[in-house]
Amino acid sequence: MNWSYESLSETRFFDLGEKLWDIIVLSALWIIFSLPIITCGAASSALYYAVYKRITKQSGKPASDFMHALKTNIKQGLPIHIIFTVYTLIMIFNIYFAVNGWGDLKLPDFYLPFALLLLLPLIVVYPFTYPYLARFSTDTKHILLHSAAFASLNPGKVILLWFITIISLGLMVILPLAIVTPYFAARLRLMVVEPVFEKAIETEKRRTEASDE
């Protein structure tokens, strides 16, 4: 049988291979650009953007979409990631200090719950931040504020997003799964986050239409 490239490209096998290639490429790009640590946030935003464009069939070039989003979001992704990293390190030290004290200095028992409570801003803001950065263009202040607002209105989704993050990080230590886990983690985040974004977009659209009448 004489197979042409055009006829081969229309087969389910070819389509499956193409999708698998996209999964591997996007996961590899995320791993590469997350290795410097400081660029991890921008890489996560770029991965979300590329997966979104791929799933919604707005683009057939996921690698190009990833690099475009990385270049676009790097200026905001870097400071946001630094904020999260510094805040996390301070909170870890604070909790350690609350539990163990500092030398002969011991803090009262009521300080530990307070120290744990200070983790709440990070827990609330983080899950929606990088998907929001991937999908909308605004300043860093409003990215964090809007992410916090989305989280406060969707606490169940916050828990689910943290579950996805923790499980995916655990799977990343298994070498064969590392090359596909970032993609599927982003895909799951998209399934959780996009209905929230779509609802917000629709609400804003109705508000704008009402104000124009």
Protein backbone atom coordinates (compact mmCIF):
# COMPACT_ATOMS: atom_id res chain seq x y z
CA MET A 1 0.00 0.00 0.00
CA ASN A 2 1.32 3.42 -0.96
CA TRP A 3 1.11 5.83 2.00
CA SER A 4 1.48 9.54 1.34
CA TYR A 5 2.43 11.96 4.13
CA GLU A 6 -0.96 13.65 3.81
CA SER A 7 -2.89 10.39 4.29
CA LEU A 8 -0.57 9.30 7.11
CA SER A 9 -1.01 12.58 8.94
CA GLU A 10 -4.76 11.95 9.09
CA THR A 11 -4.47 8.64 10.94
CA ARG A 12 -5.20 8.24 14.64
CA PHE A 13 -1.72 6.83 15.18
CA PHE A 14 -0.11 9.98 13.78
CA ASP A 15 -2.40 12.19 15.86
CA LEU A 16 -1.50 10.23 19.00
CA GLY A 17 2.19 10.55 18.22
CA GLU A 18 1.85 14.28 17.66
CA LYS A 19 0.08 14.75 20.98
CA LEU A 20 2.68 12.67 22.80
CA TRP A 21 5.44 14.75 21.21
CA ASP A 22 3.75 17.97 22.39
CA ILE A 23 3.43 16.56 25.91
CA ILE A 24 7.12 15.63 26.05
CA VAL A 25 8.34 18.89 24.51
CA LEU A 26 6.29 21.12 26.81
CA SER A 27 7.26 19.11 29.89
CA ALA A 28 10.93 19.25 28.88
CA LEU A 29 10.75 23.01 28.32
CA TRP A 30 9.21 23.51 31.75
CA ILE A 31 11.93 21.40 33.38
CA ILE A 32 14.73 23.21 31.55
CA PHE A 33 13.48 26.70 32.37
CA SER A 34 12.62 25.76 35.96
CA LEU A 35 16.14 24.53 36.73
CA PRO A 36 17.41 28.05 37.54
CA ILE A 37 14.68 28.04 40.26
CA ILE A 38 14.17 31.78 39.99
CA THR A 39 12.49 31.31 36.59
CA CYS A 40 10.19 28.52 37.80
CA GLY A 41 7.17 30.83 38.10
CA ALA A 42 7.53 32.25 34.61
CA ALA A 43 8.03 28.71 33.25
CA SER A 44 4.86 27.53 35.00
CA SER A 45 2.92 30.43 33.53
CA ALA A 46 4.32 29.70 30.06
CA LEU A 47 3.42 26.02 30.35
CA TYR A 48 -0.14 26.87 31.37
CA TYR A 49 -0.46 29.27 28.43
CA ALA A 50 0.89 26.75 25.91
CA VAL A 51 -1.37 23.97 27.19
CA TYR A 52 -4.36 26.33 27.12
CA LYS A 53 -3.65 27.28 23.49
CA ARG A 54 -3.17 23.60 22.58
CA ILE A 55 -6.31 22.33 24.31
CA THR A 56 -8.54 25.11 22.97
CA LYS A 57 -7.03 24.52 19.50
CA GLN A 58 -6.06 28.17 19.13
CA SER A 59 -2.56 27.14 18.09
CA GLY A 60 -0.71 24.10 16.79
CA LYS A 61 2.74 25.25 17.87
CA PRO A 62 3.00 24.57 21.62
CA ALA A 63 6.77 25.05 21.82
CA SER A 64 6.50 28.48 20.17
CA ASP A 65 3.60 29.36 22.46
CA PHE A 66 5.68 28.38 25.48
CA MET A 67 8.63 30.55 24.46
CA HIS A 68 6.37 33.47 23.57
CA ALA A 69 4.65 33.34 26.97
CA LEU A 70 7.98 32.93 28.77
CA LYS A 71 9.38 36.07 27.15
CA THR A 72 6.15 37.97 27.79
CA ASN A 73 5.75 37.01 31.45
CA ILE A 74 9.37 36.83 32.62
CA LYS A 75 9.43 40.43 33.91
CA GLN A 76 6.47 39.79 36.20
CA GLY A 77 7.12 36.11 36.83
CA LEU A 78 10.56 36.77 38.32
CA PRO A 79 9.53 39.26 41.04
CA ILE A 80 6.40 37.26 41.89
CA HIS A 81 8.45 34.09 42.32
CA ILE A 82 11.00 35.98 44.43
CA ILE A 83 8.19 37.29 46.64
CA PHE A 84 6.81 33.78 47.13
CA THR A 85 10.26 32.30 47.78
CA VAL A 86 11.34 34.94 50.29
CA TYR A 87 7.99 34.80 52.09
CA THR A 88 8.15 30.99 52.26
CA LEU A 89 11.67 31.04 53.70
CA ILE A 90 10.67 33.63 56.30
CA MET A 91 7.65 31.55 57.30
CA ILE A 92 9.75 28.37 57.59
CA PHE A 93 12.18 30.17 59.87
CA ASN A 94 9.30 31.68 61.82
CA ILE A 95 7.71 28.26 62.43
CA TYR A 96 11.08 26.76 63.37
CA PHE A 97 11.61 29.63 65.78
CA ALA A 98 8.11 29.12 67.23
CA VAL A 99 8.77 25.41 67.84
CA ASN A 100 12.42 25.40 68.91
CA GLY A 101 13.06 28.94 70.06
CA TRP A 102 16.42 30.62 69.57
CA GLY A 103 19.03 29.42 71.99
CA ASP A 104 17.73 30.10 75.47
CA LEU A 105 14.92 32.25 74.11
CA LYS A 106 11.58 30.38 74.04
CA LEU A 107 8.37 31.79 72.68
CA PRO A 108 4.99 31.25 74.38
CA ASP A 109 2.84 28.34 73.16
CA PHE A 110 0.25 30.62 71.59
CA TYR A 111 2.81 31.89 69.06
CA LEU A 112 2.91 28.65 67.03
CA PRO A 113 -0.73 28.87 65.86
CA PHE A 114 -0.05 32.50 64.96
CA ALA A 115 3.06 31.50 62.99
CA LEU A 116 1.07 28.84 61.11
CA LEU A 117 -1.66 31.38 60.40
CA LEU A 118 0.87 33.58 58.64
CA LEU A 119 1.14 30.86 55.98
CA LEU A 120 -2.43 31.60 54.91
CA PRO A 121 -1.63 34.42 52.44
CA LEU A 122 0.78 32.14 50.58
CA ILE A 123 -1.66 29.22 50.63
CA VAL A 124 -4.46 31.44 49.30
CA VAL A 125 -2.65 33.51 46.67
CA TYR A 126 -0.24 31.01 45.11
CA PRO A 127 -2.58 28.51 43.34
CA PHE A 128 -4.24 31.03 41.01
CA THR A 129 -1.26 33.33 40.44
CA TYR A 130 0.58 31.72 37.54
CA PRO A 131 -2.55 30.67 35.62
CA TYR A 132 -3.77 34.27 36.02
CA LEU A 133 -0.44 35.61 34.78
CA ALA A 134 -0.71 33.29 31.78
CA ARG A 135 -4.21 34.40 30.83
CA PHE A 136 -4.47 38.09 31.67
CA SER A 137 -2.35 41.20 31.27
CA THR A 138 -2.18 43.51 34.28
CA ASP A 139 0.31 44.78 36.85
CA THR A 140 1.84 42.56 39.53
CA LYS A 141 -0.21 44.09 42.33
CA HIS A 142 -3.50 43.22 40.64
CA ILE A 143 -2.29 39.75 39.68
CA LEU A 144 -1.80 38.97 43.37
CA LEU A 145 -4.99 40.72 44.48
CA HIS A 146 -7.17 39.07 41.84
CA SER A 147 -5.60 35.67 42.54
CA ALA A 148 -6.45 36.12 46.22
CA ALA A 149 -10.01 37.10 45.29
CA PHE A 150 -10.48 34.03 43.07
CA ALA A 151 -9.11 31.82 45.83
CA SER A 152 -11.34 33.30 48.54
CA LEU A 153 -14.40 32.66 46.35
CA ASN A 154 -13.30 29.11 45.47
CA PRO A 155 -11.72 27.49 48.56
CA GLY A 156 -12.46 23.99 47.30
CA LYS A 157 -10.53 24.67 44.10
CA VAL A 158 -7.61 26.03 46.14
CA ILE A 159 -7.40 22.71 47.98
CA LEU A 160 -7.63 20.82 44.70
CA LEU A 161 -4.90 22.94 43.10
CA TRP A 162 -2.58 22.36 46.05
CA PHE A 163 -3.32 18.64 45.81
CA ILE A 164 -2.34 18.69 42.12
CA THR A 165 0.86 20.60 42.94
CA ILE A 166 1.95 18.27 45.74
CA ILE A 167 1.16 15.07 43.84
CA SER A 168 2.89 16.28 40.67
CA LEU A 169 6.03 17.25 42.62
CA GLY A 170 6.03 13.77 44.14
CA LEU A 171 5.73 12.15 40.72
CA MET A 172 8.56 14.28 39.36
CA VAL A 173 11.10 12.27 41.35
CA ILE A 174 10.18 9.20 39.31
CA LEU A 175 12.35 9.66 36.24
CA PRO A 176 10.10 8.12 33.55
CA LEU A 177 7.15 10.20 34.77
CA ALA A 178 9.12 13.44 35.05
CA ILE A 179 9.02 14.00 31.30
CA VAL A 180 5.21 14.02 31.16
CA THR A 181 4.11 15.10 34.65
CA PRO A 182 4.47 18.89 34.13
CA TYR A 183 2.15 18.79 31.13
CA PHE A 184 -0.56 16.75 32.82
CA ALA A 185 -0.30 18.85 35.99
CA ALA A 186 -0.87 21.98 33.89
CA ARG A 187 -3.76 20.25 32.09
CA LEU A 188 -5.42 19.42 35.42
CA ARG A 189 -4.91 22.98 36.67
CA LEU A 190 -6.52 24.24 33.48
CA MET A 191 -9.58 22.06 34.10
CA VAL A 192 -9.90 23.47 37.61
CA VAL A 193 -9.10 27.13 36.92
CA GLU A 194 -10.65 27.89 33.52
CA PRO A 195 -14.30 27.60 34.64
CA VAL A 196 -13.49 30.21 37.30
CA PHE A 197 -11.88 32.51 34.75
CA GLU A 198 -14.69 32.02 32.24
CA LYS A 199 -17.29 32.89 34.87
CA ALA A 200 -15.36 36.05 35.81
CA ILE A 201 -15.01 37.06 32.14
CA GLU A 202 -18.73 36.56 31.55
CA THR A 203 -19.62 38.54 34.68
CA GLU A 204 -17.36 41.40 33.61
CA LYS A 205 -18.84 41.31 30.11
CA ARG A 206 -22.39 41.61 31.45
CA ARG A 207 -21.33 44.43 33.76
CA THR A 208 -19.77 46.30 30.85
CA GLU A 209 -22.83 45.83 28.67
CA ALA A 210 -25.10 47.06 31.46
CA SER A 211 -22.99 50.16 32.01
CA ASP A 212 -23.07 50.95 28.27
CA GLU A 213 -26.86 50.89 28.12
